[in-house]
Amino acid sequence: MKKYFLLFLIVFFTSCDKKVSAPKPDHLLEQQQMEDILFDIKFLAAAKSKKYKILKDNNVQVDSLIYQKHKIDSTILYQNIAYYTTHSYKTYKEIEHNIQLRFEAEISKIKIHLKENDDARLAKKKKEIQQRKKGKELLKSSLNINKE
């Protein structure tokens, strides 16, 4: 039993010593471009999880949409993802942080837009109610005139 434990420790410590890093891709994407691609991937993944039927009915292929928009192929994308995640953890965390900030900005824009739509809808309803009240008052006053 001690032999196996000792062998396990030797293998464990020697394997942890090596730094695992993906090779630099032939077509290295800039950090901003990689951020844009990952943002689009996450955005479309969220849309796909919420509105799957709409995407399916319109025959939207999320992967091909990303490749066409950014003029890349799957090999370039996966090589760059592997490179950024293993080569520089700090850079990748910065990309993830920027993506999070972009999502928060999009959410606040949507909330503002929804509030404006709600305010406009409420103003329209108030106007309709006021017009109905005026119509009722006119009808009452015309009925009162006719009674006299």
Foldseek 3Di string as FASTA:
>chain_A
DVVVVVVVVVVVVVVVVDQDAQDQDPDADDLVLLLVLVLLLVVVVVCCVVPVVVCVVVVPDSQVVSCVVSVHHPVNNVSNVRRCVRVDVVSVVVSVVVSVVVVVVVVVVVVVVVVVVVVVVVVVVVVVVVVVVVVVVVVVVVVVVVVD
